[in-house]
Structures are given as structure tokens and as C-alpha cells.
Amino acid sequence: MRQKQSLTTSLIVLISGTFLITTYLLPDLQSKLALFYGGQYANGYFPGVHTGQWYRIFTVALVHAGWMHLIFNMLALYSIGESVERFVGQIRFAIIFLFSLVTASLASVFLGPHNQYAVGASGAIFGLFAALVVIGKKAGANYQNVIGVVIVNLIITFVLPGIDWHAHVGGLVGGFVITYALMFFKRT
């Protein structure tokens, strides 16, 4: 019997594939998928979320700012995603990932600078960090290690320049809220 592919692996393939396409085949596509507020600026008119391109809230996770950005995000997604997915199942995992992605994107769009593009899946990944905090002991994870990883990643978020901390915090909060809700209302 063939084993079902994990959603985590499917996401890694989709995100990595999109990175390759936007880097080597269709470089103009990256700016169309990146998260951007948009609107009227001194240099002209730029389309974005403000002008009705709400799809960017989701497609931001498909584009990355280079190989290192992609590699670090995909390693984090693999190491955390597999554990969360095994414990909560594919449907709940998808809900956590998407809800965290949306809250991260909305925090970035409405609280961050309106004239900068944002890229990457890290907001959704921070939601998975939060999920691991919520389910940590029940899932058999070392709770101290999980909290340590979250703290280190938050420190990196605020120390390194060019990181959209709004998205990371938005994803973390969204992941915590949705995971807690899913676990609280989980039928046993």
C-alpha cells in the first residue's frame, strides 16, 4: 500500500517550485505574487492589496528573497510542519497554516510599511511554531526546546534588518489562536 504524501512535503514542493519558476523562468511574476499594499505614491500608481489584489495575502508564501531565505524557511517548515501535521492531521494542519498565513499577511499589510514588498512563508511558519507550543506536551515534544526555538526565532526577527516582524508576530498570534480553538473543540 502506498503511503500518502504529507501536506508539509507538498507545500515544500509547491513553494520551492514556485521559487524556481519566479527566479529562472518568470522573474516578473515574483512582484505580482509578493505581498504589497499598493496605491498612489509619489512615483506613480502601484497595484496591491489596497487596489483589490487580495490574492497576495496567500501568494506571499510562494515567493522568497533568494536561496538562503527559501532554504531556511523550508527547513523550518519541514522540521516543525511534519510534527504538527502528524499530531493534528492534514485538515487541521491546513487550517492552521492558512489561518496563520492570513493573520501574518494582514498584520504585515495593515501594520507594516505600505511601500515595501514582503515575501516568504515565515509568517505561516511562525503560526506552526505557535501550534507546536499549544500541542507540545500532548505531541510528545520537549516543551523547553519548543519554547527556546520560538524565542530564538523571535530574537532573530527583531535583530536582523529587513525582516517583516509584523508578519512573524501576526502569524504567531494567529497560529496560537487557531490551534487552541481547534484543540479545544476537537472531538475525542
N, C-alpha and C. Protein backbone atom coordinates (compact mmCIF):
# COMPACT_ATOMS: atom_id res chain seq x y z
N MET A 1 0.84 -1.17 0.00
CA MET A 1 0.00 0.00 0.00
C MET A 1 0.89 1.25 0.00
N ARG A 2 0.57 2.19 -0.86
CA ARG A 2 1.35 3.41 -0.98
C ARG A 2 0.99 4.39 0.13
N GLN A 3 2.05 4.94 0.76
CA GLN A 3 1.82 5.89 1.85
C GLN A 3 1.44 7.25 1.27
N LYS A 4 0.49 7.89 1.91
CA LYS A 4 0.01 9.19 1.50
C LYS A 4 1.09 10.25 1.76
N GLN A 5 1.33 11.13 0.77
CA GLN A 5 2.33 12.18 0.93
C GLN A 5 1.83 13.21 1.93
N SER A 6 2.73 13.69 2.76
CA SER A 6 2.34 14.68 3.76
C SER A 6 2.05 16.02 3.09
N LEU A 7 1.18 16.77 3.70
CA LEU A 7 0.86 18.11 3.23
C LEU A 7 2.10 19.01 3.37
N THR A 8 2.88 18.78 4.41
CA THR A 8 4.12 19.54 4.61
C THR A 8 5.03 19.38 3.40
N THR A 9 5.23 18.15 2.96
CA THR A 9 6.08 17.89 1.80
C THR A 9 5.50 18.52 0.55
N SER A 10 4.19 18.45 0.38
CA SER A 10 3.54 19.07 -0.78
C SER A 10 3.74 20.58 -0.78
N LEU A 11 3.64 21.20 0.39
CA LEU A 11 3.87 22.65 0.49
C LEU A 11 5.32 22.99 0.14
N ILE A 12 6.26 22.20 0.61
CA ILE A 12 7.67 22.45 0.30
C ILE A 12 7.92 22.36 -1.20
N VAL A 13 7.34 21.36 -1.84
CA VAL A 13 7.49 21.20 -3.29
C VAL A 13 6.86 22.38 -4.02
N LEU A 14 5.65 22.77 -3.63
CA LEU A 14 4.95 23.89 -4.27
C LEU A 14 5.73 25.20 -4.11
N ILE A 15 6.16 25.50 -2.89
CA ILE A 15 6.87 26.75 -2.62
C ILE A 15 8.23 26.76 -3.32
N SER A 16 8.95 25.66 -3.25
CA SER A 16 10.27 25.58 -3.90
C SER A 16 10.13 25.65 -5.42
N GLY A 17 9.13 24.97 -5.95
CA GLY A 17 8.88 25.02 -7.39
C GLY A 17 8.53 26.43 -7.87
N THR A 18 7.72 27.12 -7.10
CA THR A 18 7.36 28.49 -7.46
C THR A 18 8.60 29.39 -7.39
N PHE A 19 9.46 29.17 -6.38
CA PHE A 19 10.70 29.94 -6.29
C PHE A 19 11.54 29.73 -7.55
N LEU A 20 11.69 28.50 -8.00
CA LEU A 20 12.49 28.22 -9.19
C LEU A 20 11.88 28.89 -10.43
N ILE A 21 10.56 28.83 -10.54
CA ILE A 21 9.89 29.45 -11.69
C ILE A 21 10.06 30.96 -11.68
N THR A 22 9.84 31.58 -10.50
CA THR A 22 9.94 33.05 -10.42
C THR A 22 11.39 33.54 -10.48
N THR A 23 12.33 32.68 -10.18
CA THR A 23 13.74 33.07 -10.23
C THR A 23 14.32 32.90 -11.63
N TYR A 24 13.99 31.79 -12.30
CA TYR A 24 14.67 31.46 -13.55
C TYR A 24 13.81 31.56 -14.81
N LEU A 25 12.50 31.40 -14.69
CA LEU A 25 11.67 31.42 -15.89
C LEU A 25 10.81 32.67 -16.03
N LEU A 26 10.18 33.09 -14.94
CA LEU A 26 9.26 34.23 -14.99
C LEU A 26 9.58 35.21 -13.86
N PRO A 27 10.69 35.92 -13.94
CA PRO A 27 11.08 36.80 -12.83
C PRO A 27 10.07 37.92 -12.54
N ASP A 28 9.31 38.36 -13.52
CA ASP A 28 8.31 39.40 -13.28
C ASP A 28 7.15 38.91 -12.42
N LEU A 29 6.98 37.60 -12.36
CA LEU A 29 5.88 37.02 -11.58
C LEU A 29 6.06 37.25 -10.08
N GLN A 30 7.30 37.33 -9.61
CA GLN A 30 7.53 37.50 -8.17
C GLN A 30 6.85 38.76 -7.64
N SER A 31 6.96 39.87 -8.34
CA SER A 31 6.34 41.11 -7.86
C SER A 31 4.82 41.05 -7.92
N LYS A 32 4.28 40.16 -8.74
CA LYS A 32 2.83 40.01 -8.83
C LYS A 32 2.28 39.09 -7.75
N LEU A 33 3.15 38.26 -7.16
CA LEU A 33 2.74 37.34 -6.11
C LEU A 33 3.09 37.85 -4.71
N ALA A 34 4.06 38.75 -4.62
CA ALA A 34 4.53 39.27 -3.33
C ALA A 34 3.42 40.09 -2.66
N LEU A 35 3.51 40.18 -1.35
CA LEU A 35 2.55 40.97 -0.59
C LEU A 35 2.92 42.44 -0.72
N PHE A 36 1.96 43.25 -1.12
CA PHE A 36 2.19 44.67 -1.31
C PHE A 36 0.89 45.40 -1.09
N TYR A 37 0.95 46.48 -0.33
CA TYR A 37 -0.25 47.26 -0.04
C TYR A 37 -0.79 47.92 -1.29
N GLY A 38 0.06 48.62 -2.00
CA GLY A 38 -0.34 49.28 -3.24
C GLY A 38 -1.02 50.62 -3.00
N GLY A 39 -1.29 51.31 -4.09
CA GLY A 39 -1.96 52.61 -4.02
C GLY A 39 -1.20 53.68 -4.76
N GLN A 40 -1.55 54.91 -4.50
CA GLN A 40 -0.92 56.06 -5.16
C GLN A 40 0.29 56.52 -4.36
N TYR A 41 1.42 56.64 -5.03
CA TYR A 41 2.66 57.11 -4.40
C TYR A 41 3.27 58.19 -5.25
N ALA A 42 4.30 58.83 -4.74
CA ALA A 42 4.96 59.92 -5.45
C ALA A 42 5.47 59.47 -6.82
N ASN A 43 5.90 58.24 -6.91
CA ASN A 43 6.44 57.73 -8.17
C ASN A 43 5.36 57.17 -9.11
N GLY A 44 4.12 57.19 -8.69
CA GLY A 44 3.05 56.68 -9.55
C GLY A 44 2.08 55.80 -8.80
N TYR A 45 1.39 54.99 -9.56
CA TYR A 45 0.34 54.12 -9.04
C TYR A 45 0.83 52.69 -9.04
N PHE A 46 0.73 52.01 -7.90
CA PHE A 46 1.19 50.63 -7.79
C PHE A 46 0.05 49.75 -7.31
N PRO A 47 -0.29 48.70 -8.08
CA PRO A 47 -1.37 47.81 -7.64
C PRO A 47 -0.92 46.92 -6.49
N GLY A 48 -1.86 46.57 -5.62
CA GLY A 48 -1.59 45.70 -4.49
C GLY A 48 -2.88 45.35 -3.77
N VAL A 49 -2.77 44.96 -2.52
CA VAL A 49 -3.94 44.58 -1.72
C VAL A 49 -4.94 45.72 -1.65
N HIS A 50 -4.45 46.94 -1.47
CA HIS A 50 -5.30 48.12 -1.38
C HIS A 50 -6.15 48.31 -2.64
N THR A 51 -5.65 47.87 -3.76
CA THR A 51 -6.36 48.04 -5.02
C THR A 51 -7.11 46.78 -5.46
N GLY A 52 -7.34 45.88 -4.51
CA GLY A 52 -8.17 44.71 -4.79
C GLY A 52 -7.43 43.41 -5.06
N GLN A 53 -6.12 43.40 -4.99
CA GLN A 53 -5.36 42.18 -5.26
C GLN A 53 -5.18 41.38 -3.96
N TRP A 54 -6.30 40.92 -3.41
CA TRP A 54 -6.30 40.20 -2.13
C TRP A 54 -5.63 38.84 -2.22
N TYR A 55 -5.48 38.30 -3.42
CA TYR A 55 -4.81 37.01 -3.58
C TYR A 55 -3.39 37.06 -3.02
N ARG A 56 -2.79 38.26 -2.96
CA ARG A 56 -1.42 38.42 -2.47
C ARG A 56 -1.28 37.96 -1.01
N ILE A 57 -2.37 37.97 -0.26
CA ILE A 57 -2.34 37.52 1.13
C ILE A 57 -1.92 36.06 1.20
N PHE A 58 -2.25 35.30 0.17
CA PHE A 58 -1.90 33.87 0.12
C PHE A 58 -0.61 33.63 -0.67
N THR A 59 -0.46 34.32 -1.80
CA THR A 59 0.67 34.04 -2.69
C THR A 59 2.01 34.50 -2.14
N VAL A 60 2.00 35.34 -1.11
CA VAL A 60 3.24 35.80 -0.49
C VAL A 60 4.09 34.61 -0.03
N ALA A 61 3.47 33.53 0.37
CA ALA A 61 4.20 32.36 0.87
C ALA A 61 4.92 31.62 -0.26
N LEU A 62 4.58 31.91 -1.50
CA LEU A 62 5.18 31.19 -2.63
C LEU A 62 6.47 31.82 -3.14
N VAL A 63 6.76 33.05 -2.74
CA VAL A 63 7.94 33.75 -3.26
C VAL A 63 8.91 34.07 -2.12
N HIS A 64 10.19 34.02 -2.44
CA HIS A 64 11.23 34.24 -1.43
C HIS A 64 12.33 35.14 -1.99
N ALA A 65 13.07 35.76 -1.10
CA ALA A 65 14.07 36.77 -1.47
C ALA A 65 15.45 36.16 -1.69
N GLY A 66 15.53 34.99 -2.23
CA GLY A 66 16.81 34.36 -2.52
C GLY A 66 16.88 32.96 -1.96
N TRP A 67 17.99 32.28 -2.32
CA TRP A 67 18.17 30.89 -1.94
C TRP A 67 18.23 30.70 -0.43
N MET A 68 18.95 31.55 0.29
CA MET A 68 19.07 31.38 1.74
C MET A 68 17.71 31.54 2.43
N HIS A 69 16.94 32.51 1.99
CA HIS A 69 15.60 32.74 2.54
C HIS A 69 14.74 31.49 2.34
N LEU A 70 14.76 30.97 1.12
CA LEU A 70 13.99 29.76 0.80
C LEU A 70 14.46 28.57 1.63
N ILE A 71 15.75 28.34 1.68
CA ILE A 71 16.29 27.17 2.39
C ILE A 71 15.95 27.20 3.87
N PHE A 72 16.16 28.36 4.51
CA PHE A 72 15.84 28.44 5.94
C PHE A 72 14.35 28.25 6.21
N ASN A 73 13.50 28.83 5.37
CA ASN A 73 12.07 28.66 5.56
C ASN A 73 11.63 27.21 5.33
N MET A 74 12.18 26.57 4.31
CA MET A 74 11.77 25.20 4.01
C MET A 74 12.30 24.22 5.06
N LEU A 75 13.49 24.47 5.60
CA LEU A 75 13.99 23.64 6.70
C LEU A 75 13.10 23.78 7.94
N ALA A 76 12.71 25.00 8.23
CA ALA A 76 11.82 25.23 9.38
C ALA A 76 10.46 24.58 9.13
N LEU A 77 9.93 24.74 7.92
CA LEU A 77 8.63 24.14 7.60
C LEU A 77 8.71 22.62 7.73
N TYR A 78 9.77 22.02 7.23
CA TYR A 78 9.90 20.57 7.31
C TYR A 78 10.03 20.09 8.76
N SER A 79 10.88 20.74 9.53
CA SER A 79 11.13 20.26 10.89
C SER A 79 9.94 20.47 11.81
N ILE A 80 9.22 21.55 11.64
CA ILE A 80 8.08 21.82 12.51
C ILE A 80 6.79 21.27 11.91
N GLY A 81 6.63 21.46 10.61
CA GLY A 81 5.39 21.05 9.93
C GLY A 81 5.08 19.57 10.05
N GLU A 82 6.10 18.74 9.88
CA GLU A 82 5.89 17.29 9.97
C GLU A 82 5.33 16.91 11.34
N SER A 83 5.89 17.47 12.40
CA SER A 83 5.43 17.14 13.76
C SER A 83 4.00 17.60 14.00
N VAL A 84 3.72 18.84 13.61
CA VAL A 84 2.37 19.38 13.81
C VAL A 84 1.36 18.59 12.98
N GLU A 85 1.70 18.33 11.74
CA GLU A 85 0.78 17.60 10.86
C GLU A 85 0.49 16.19 11.37
N ARG A 86 1.51 15.49 11.84
CA ARG A 86 1.30 14.14 12.38
C ARG A 86 0.33 14.16 13.56
N PHE A 87 0.45 15.18 14.41
CA PHE A 87 -0.37 15.23 15.61
C PHE A 87 -1.81 15.69 15.33
N VAL A 88 -1.97 16.74 14.52
CA VAL A 88 -3.31 17.31 14.32
C VAL A 88 -4.02 16.77 13.08
N GLY A 89 -3.30 16.14 12.16
CA GLY A 89 -3.88 15.65 10.92
C GLY A 89 -3.80 16.69 9.81
N GLN A 90 -4.00 16.23 8.58
CA GLN A 90 -3.82 17.11 7.42
C GLN A 90 -4.81 18.26 7.36
N ILE A 91 -6.06 18.00 7.67
CA ILE A 91 -7.07 19.07 7.56
C ILE A 91 -6.80 20.17 8.57
N ARG A 92 -6.57 19.80 9.82
CA ARG A 92 -6.28 20.81 10.85
C ARG A 92 -4.95 21.52 10.55
N PHE A 93 -3.98 20.77 10.05
CA PHE A 93 -2.70 21.37 9.67
C PHE A 93 -2.92 22.44 8.59
N ALA A 94 -3.71 22.11 7.58
CA ALA A 94 -4.00 23.07 6.51
C ALA A 94 -4.69 24.31 7.07
N ILE A 95 -5.63 24.12 7.98
CA ILE A 95 -6.34 25.25 8.59
C ILE A 95 -5.36 26.12 9.38
N ILE A 96 -4.49 25.50 10.16
CA ILE A 96 -3.51 26.25 10.95
C ILE A 96 -2.57 27.03 10.03
N PHE A 97 -2.06 26.37 9.00
CA PHE A 97 -1.13 27.02 8.08
C PHE A 97 -1.80 28.20 7.38
N LEU A 98 -2.99 27.98 6.82
CA LEU A 98 -3.67 29.06 6.09
C LEU A 98 -4.12 30.20 6.99
N PHE A 99 -4.64 29.88 8.17
CA PHE A 99 -5.07 30.92 9.10
C PHE A 99 -3.87 31.76 9.54
N SER A 100 -2.76 31.10 9.83
CA SER A 100 -1.54 31.80 10.23
C SER A 100 -1.01 32.67 9.09
N LEU A 101 -1.09 32.15 7.87
CA LEU A 101 -0.66 32.91 6.70
C LEU A 101 -1.50 34.17 6.54
N VAL A 102 -2.81 34.04 6.71
CA VAL A 102 -3.71 35.19 6.57
C VAL A 102 -3.45 36.21 7.67
N THR A 103 -3.34 35.77 8.92
CA THR A 103 -3.10 36.73 10.01
C THR A 103 -1.74 37.40 9.86
N ALA A 104 -0.74 36.65 9.40
CA ALA A 104 0.58 37.23 9.16
C ALA A 104 0.51 38.28 8.06
N SER A 105 -0.16 37.95 6.97
CA SER A 105 -0.27 38.88 5.84
C SER A 105 -1.05 40.13 6.21
N LEU A 106 -2.14 39.95 6.93
CA LEU A 106 -2.94 41.11 7.34
C LEU A 106 -2.16 42.02 8.29
N ALA A 107 -1.41 41.42 9.21
CA ALA A 107 -0.58 42.22 10.12
C ALA A 107 0.47 42.98 9.33
N SER A 108 1.07 42.35 8.34
CA SER A 108 2.08 43.00 7.52
C SER A 108 1.48 44.14 6.70
N VAL A 109 0.35 43.88 6.07
CA VAL A 109 -0.28 44.88 5.21
C VAL A 109 -0.77 46.09 6.00
N PHE A 110 -1.44 45.85 7.11
CA PHE A 110 -2.08 46.95 7.80
C PHE A 110 -1.22 47.60 8.89
N LEU A 111 -0.20 46.91 9.38
CA LEU A 111 0.65 47.48 10.43
C LEU A 111 2.05 47.84 9.92
N GLY A 112 2.45 47.26 8.81
CA GLY A 112 3.79 47.50 8.28
C GLY A 112 3.81 48.64 7.30
N PRO A 113 4.99 48.92 6.73
CA PRO A 113 5.10 49.99 5.74
C PRO A 113 4.32 49.65 4.47
N HIS A 114 3.68 50.64 3.91
CA HIS A 114 2.83 50.41 2.73
C HIS A 114 3.59 50.44 1.42
N ASN A 115 4.84 50.83 1.45
CA ASN A 115 5.58 50.97 0.20
C ASN A 115 6.67 49.92 0.02
N GLN A 116 6.58 48.80 0.74
CA GLN A 116 7.57 47.74 0.64
C GLN A 116 6.90 46.41 0.32
N TYR A 117 7.56 45.65 -0.54
CA TYR A 117 7.11 44.30 -0.83
C TYR A 117 7.51 43.38 0.31
N ALA A 118 6.67 42.40 0.62
CA ALA A 118 7.00 41.36 1.59
C ALA A 118 6.93 40.02 0.86
N VAL A 119 7.86 39.13 1.19
CA VAL A 119 7.88 37.81 0.58
C VAL A 119 8.18 36.76 1.63
N GLY A 120 7.75 35.54 1.38
CA GLY A 120 8.12 34.41 2.22
C GLY A 120 6.97 33.76 2.96
N ALA A 121 7.25 32.55 3.41
CA ALA A 121 6.27 31.74 4.14
C ALA A 121 6.47 31.80 5.65
N SER A 122 7.37 32.65 6.11
CA SER A 122 7.73 32.64 7.53
C SER A 122 6.59 33.04 8.46
N GLY A 123 5.67 33.87 8.02
CA GLY A 123 4.51 34.20 8.87
C GLY A 123 3.70 32.95 9.19
N ALA A 124 3.46 32.13 8.17
CA ALA A 124 2.72 30.88 8.38
C ALA A 124 3.56 29.91 9.22
N ILE A 125 4.87 29.91 9.01
CA ILE A 125 5.75 29.04 9.79
C ILE A 125 5.74 29.44 11.26
N PHE A 126 5.68 30.74 11.53
CA PHE A 126 5.57 31.18 12.92
C PHE A 126 4.25 30.70 13.52
N GLY A 127 3.20 30.60 12.70
CA GLY A 127 1.94 30.02 13.18
C GLY A 127 2.11 28.56 13.56
N LEU A 128 2.97 27.84 12.83
CA LEU A 128 3.25 26.45 13.18
C LEU A 128 4.09 26.36 14.45
N PHE A 129 5.00 27.34 14.66
CA PHE A 129 5.71 27.41 15.94
C PHE A 129 4.70 27.50 17.08
N ALA A 130 3.73 28.40 16.92
CA ALA A 130 2.71 28.58 17.95
C ALA A 130 1.90 27.30 18.15
N ALA A 131 1.58 26.63 17.05
CA ALA A 131 0.84 25.37 17.15
C ALA A 131 1.63 24.36 17.97
N LEU A 132 2.93 24.31 17.75
CA LEU A 132 3.77 23.38 18.50
C LEU A 132 3.81 23.74 19.98
N VAL A 133 3.73 25.02 20.29
CA VAL A 133 3.66 25.44 21.70
C VAL A 133 2.36 24.93 22.32
N VAL A 134 1.26 25.08 21.59
CA VAL A 134 -0.05 24.66 22.10
C VAL A 134 -0.12 23.15 22.30
N ILE A 135 0.37 22.39 21.33
CA ILE A 135 0.23 20.93 21.39
C ILE A 135 1.48 20.25 21.95
N GLY A 136 2.51 21.02 22.26
CA GLY A 136 3.83 20.50 22.62
C GLY A 136 3.85 19.28 23.50
N LYS A 137 3.35 19.38 24.70
CA LYS A 137 3.43 18.25 25.64
C LYS A 137 2.56 17.09 25.17
N LYS A 138 1.38 17.40 24.64
CA LYS A 138 0.49 16.34 24.15
C LYS A 138 1.10 15.58 22.98
N ALA A 139 1.89 16.29 22.17
CA ALA A 139 2.50 15.67 21.00
C ALA A 139 3.81 14.98 21.32
N GLY A 140 4.25 15.08 22.57
CA GLY A 140 5.48 14.42 22.98
C GLY A 140 6.73 15.24 22.70
N ALA A 141 6.57 16.52 22.39
CA ALA A 141 7.72 17.38 22.12
C ALA A 141 8.33 17.84 23.44
N ASN A 142 9.61 18.13 23.40
CA ASN A 142 10.29 18.70 24.55
C ASN A 142 9.87 20.16 24.64
N TYR A 143 9.04 20.48 25.60
CA TYR A 143 8.42 21.79 25.71
C TYR A 143 9.46 22.90 25.86
N GLN A 144 10.52 22.65 26.61
CA GLN A 144 11.56 23.66 26.78
C GLN A 144 12.26 23.95 25.46
N ASN A 145 12.52 22.92 24.67
CA ASN A 145 13.14 23.12 23.36
C ASN A 145 12.23 23.91 22.43
N VAL A 146 10.95 23.60 22.45
CA VAL A 146 9.99 24.30 21.59
C VAL A 146 9.96 25.79 21.95
N ILE A 147 9.83 26.09 23.23
CA ILE A 147 9.81 27.49 23.67
C ILE A 147 11.13 28.17 23.31
N GLY A 148 12.23 27.47 23.47
CA GLY A 148 13.54 28.01 23.12
C GLY A 148 13.65 28.37 21.64
N VAL A 149 13.16 27.48 20.78
CA VAL A 149 13.19 27.73 19.33
C VAL A 149 12.34 28.95 18.99
N VAL A 150 11.17 29.08 19.59
CA VAL A 150 10.30 30.22 19.35
C VAL A 150 10.99 31.51 19.79
N ILE A 151 11.59 31.51 20.96
CA ILE A 151 12.27 32.71 21.48
C ILE A 151 13.44 33.10 20.59
N VAL A 152 14.26 32.13 20.19
CA VAL A 152 15.40 32.42 19.31
C VAL A 152 14.92 33.01 17.99
N ASN A 153 13.87 32.45 17.42
CA ASN A 153 13.36 32.96 16.16
C ASN A 153 12.76 34.36 16.30
N LEU A 154 12.13 34.63 17.43
CA LEU A 154 11.62 35.99 17.67
C LEU A 154 12.78 36.98 17.83
N ILE A 155 13.84 36.58 18.50
CA ILE A 155 15.00 37.45 18.64
C ILE A 155 15.59 37.77 17.26
N ILE A 156 15.75 36.74 16.45
CA ILE A 156 16.27 36.93 15.08
C ILE A 156 15.38 37.91 14.32
N THR A 157 14.07 37.78 14.49
CA THR A 157 13.12 38.65 13.81
C THR A 157 13.38 40.12 14.11
N PHE A 158 13.70 40.42 15.36
CA PHE A 158 13.88 41.82 15.75
C PHE A 158 15.32 42.31 15.64
N VAL A 159 16.28 41.40 15.48
CA VAL A 159 17.69 41.80 15.43
C VAL A 159 18.18 42.00 13.99
N LEU A 160 17.81 41.10 13.10
CA LEU A 160 18.28 41.20 11.72
C LEU A 160 17.44 42.21 10.94
N PRO A 161 18.09 43.05 10.16
CA PRO A 161 17.34 44.03 9.36
C PRO A 161 16.63 43.37 8.18
N GLY A 162 15.56 44.01 7.73
CA GLY A 162 14.84 43.54 6.54
C GLY A 162 13.83 42.45 6.80
N ILE A 163 13.62 42.07 8.04
CA ILE A 163 12.64 41.02 8.36
C ILE A 163 11.33 41.69 8.76
N ASP A 164 10.25 41.20 8.20
CA ASP A 164 8.92 41.76 8.48
C ASP A 164 8.40 41.20 9.80
N TRP A 165 8.73 41.88 10.89
CA TRP A 165 8.34 41.40 12.20
C TRP A 165 6.83 41.42 12.37
N HIS A 166 6.14 42.28 11.65
CA HIS A 166 4.67 42.32 11.74
C HIS A 166 4.08 40.97 11.31
N ALA A 167 4.62 40.44 10.22
CA ALA A 167 4.14 39.15 9.72
C ALA A 167 4.46 38.02 10.69
N HIS A 168 5.66 38.03 11.25
CA HIS A 168 6.05 36.97 12.17
C HIS A 168 5.17 36.97 13.42
N VAL A 169 4.97 38.13 14.00
CA VAL A 169 4.12 38.23 15.20
C VAL A 169 2.66 37.93 14.85
N GLY A 170 2.19 38.42 13.71
CA GLY A 170 0.82 38.13 13.26
C GLY A 170 0.60 36.64 13.06
N GLY A 171 1.57 35.97 12.44
CA GLY A 171 1.46 34.52 12.25
C GLY A 171 1.51 33.76 13.55
N LEU A 172 2.36 34.20 14.47
CA LEU A 172 2.48 33.56 15.78
C LEU A 172 1.16 33.67 16.55
N VAL A 173 0.59 34.85 16.57
CA VAL A 173 -0.69 35.05 17.27
C VAL A 173 -1.80 34.24 16.59
N GLY A 174 -1.86 34.32 15.26
CA GLY A 174 -2.88 33.57 14.53
C GLY A 174 -2.76 32.07 14.75
N GLY A 175 -1.54 31.56 14.71
CA GLY A 175 -1.31 30.13 14.92
C GLY A 175 -1.72 29.68 16.31
N PHE A 176 -1.41 30.50 17.29
CA PHE A 176 -1.79 30.17 18.67
C PHE A 176 -3.31 30.13 18.80
N VAL A 177 -3.99 31.15 18.30
CA VAL A 177 -5.45 31.25 18.43
C VAL A 177 -6.14 30.09 17.72
N ILE A 178 -5.77 29.83 16.48
CA ILE A 178 -6.48 28.79 15.71
C ILE A 178 -6.16 27.39 16.24
N THR A 179 -4.93 27.15 16.66
CA THR A 179 -4.59 25.83 17.19
C THR A 179 -5.31 25.59 18.50
N TYR A 180 -5.32 26.58 19.35
CA TYR A 180 -6.03 26.45 20.62
C TYR A 180 -7.52 26.17 20.36
N ALA A 181 -8.11 26.90 19.42
CA ALA A 181 -9.53 26.69 19.09
C ALA A 181 -9.76 25.29 18.53
N LEU A 182 -8.90 24.84 17.64
CA LEU A 182 -9.05 23.51 17.05
C LEU A 182 -8.88 22.40 18.09
N MET A 183 -7.95 22.59 19.01
CA MET A 183 -7.72 21.58 20.04
C MET A 183 -8.81 21.61 21.11
N PHE A 184 -9.32 22.80 21.39
CA PHE A 184 -10.38 22.93 22.39
C PHE A 184 -11.68 22.28 21.90
N PHE A 185 -11.95 22.45 20.60
CA PHE A 185 -13.20 21.90 20.05
C PHE A 185 -13.01 20.55 19.39
N LYS A 186 -11.83 19.94 19.57
CA LYS A 186 -11.55 18.64 19.00
C LYS A 186 -12.42 17.58 19.65
N ARG A 187 -13.08 16.79 18.84
CA ARG A 187 -13.90 15.70 19.37
C ARG A 187 -13.01 14.53 19.73
N THR A 188 -13.28 13.96 20.87
CA THR A 188 -12.47 12.80 21.29
C THR A 188 -13.26 11.53 21.20
